[in-house]
Amino acid sequence: MPEAAKDFQRLAKSEPKAFAKANSMLKELESHPKSGTGHPEPLKGFPGSS
């Protein structure tokens, strides 16, 4: 099992609220990766950004 999956399972047991929020964010990224909740802003200071 990849390290991230183990960490995610550990998070589910130790901090259920944080797990729920992280799980929600991952599902949202999977369904529409270019947009987000809140007020997403483009990254600053990277090539190709304004």
Protein backbone atom coordinates (compact mmCIF):
# COMPACT_ATOMS: atom_id res chain seq x y z
CA MET A 1 0.00 0.00 0.00
CA PRO A 2 1.40 3.44 -0.91
CA GLU A 3 2.55 5.67 1.93
CA ALA A 4 -0.15 8.29 1.20
CA ALA A 5 -2.91 5.69 1.56
CA LYS A 6 -1.53 4.60 4.92
CA ASP A 7 -1.38 8.23 6.07
CA PHE A 8 -4.96 8.77 4.92
CA GLN A 9 -6.18 5.74 6.88
CA ARG A 10 -4.29 6.93 9.95
CA LEU A 11 -5.89 10.37 9.58
CA ALA A 12 -9.35 8.77 9.42
CA LYS A 13 -8.79 7.13 12.80
CA SER A 14 -6.96 9.92 14.60
CA GLU A 15 -8.71 13.06 13.25
CA PRO A 16 -12.12 12.31 11.71
CA LYS A 17 -12.95 15.98 11.00
CA ALA A 18 -9.69 16.56 9.13
CA PHE A 19 -10.21 13.29 7.26
CA ALA A 20 -13.70 14.33 6.17
CA LYS A 21 -12.44 17.68 4.92
CA ALA A 22 -9.49 16.15 3.05
CA ASN A 23 -11.75 13.49 1.54
CA SER A 24 -14.21 16.16 0.40
CA MET A 25 -11.42 18.19 -1.20
CA LEU A 26 -10.05 15.15 -3.04
CA LYS A 27 -13.50 14.26 -4.40
CA GLU A 28 -13.98 17.84 -5.58
CA LEU A 29 -10.59 17.86 -7.31
CA GLU A 30 -11.45 14.60 -9.02
CA SER A 31 -14.77 15.86 -10.36
CA HIS A 32 -13.66 19.35 -11.51
CA PRO A 33 -9.90 19.97 -11.18
CA LYS A 34 -9.81 23.43 -12.82
CA SER A 35 -12.26 25.16 -10.49
CA GLY A 36 -12.70 25.11 -6.76
CA THR A 37 -14.82 26.21 -3.85
CA GLY A 38 -14.33 29.63 -2.40
CA HIS A 39 -12.33 32.12 -4.41
CA PRO A 40 -9.48 30.31 -6.18
CA GLU A 41 -6.67 32.54 -7.41
CA PRO A 42 -3.98 31.82 -9.97
CA LEU A 43 -0.55 31.05 -8.55
CA LYS A 44 1.84 33.97 -8.43
CA GLY A 45 5.55 33.86 -9.19
CA PHE A 46 5.53 30.82 -11.47
CA PRO A 47 6.31 30.83 -15.19
CA GLY A 48 3.14 31.30 -17.22
CA SER A 49 1.28 33.04 -14.40
CA SER A 50 0.44 36.73 -14.36
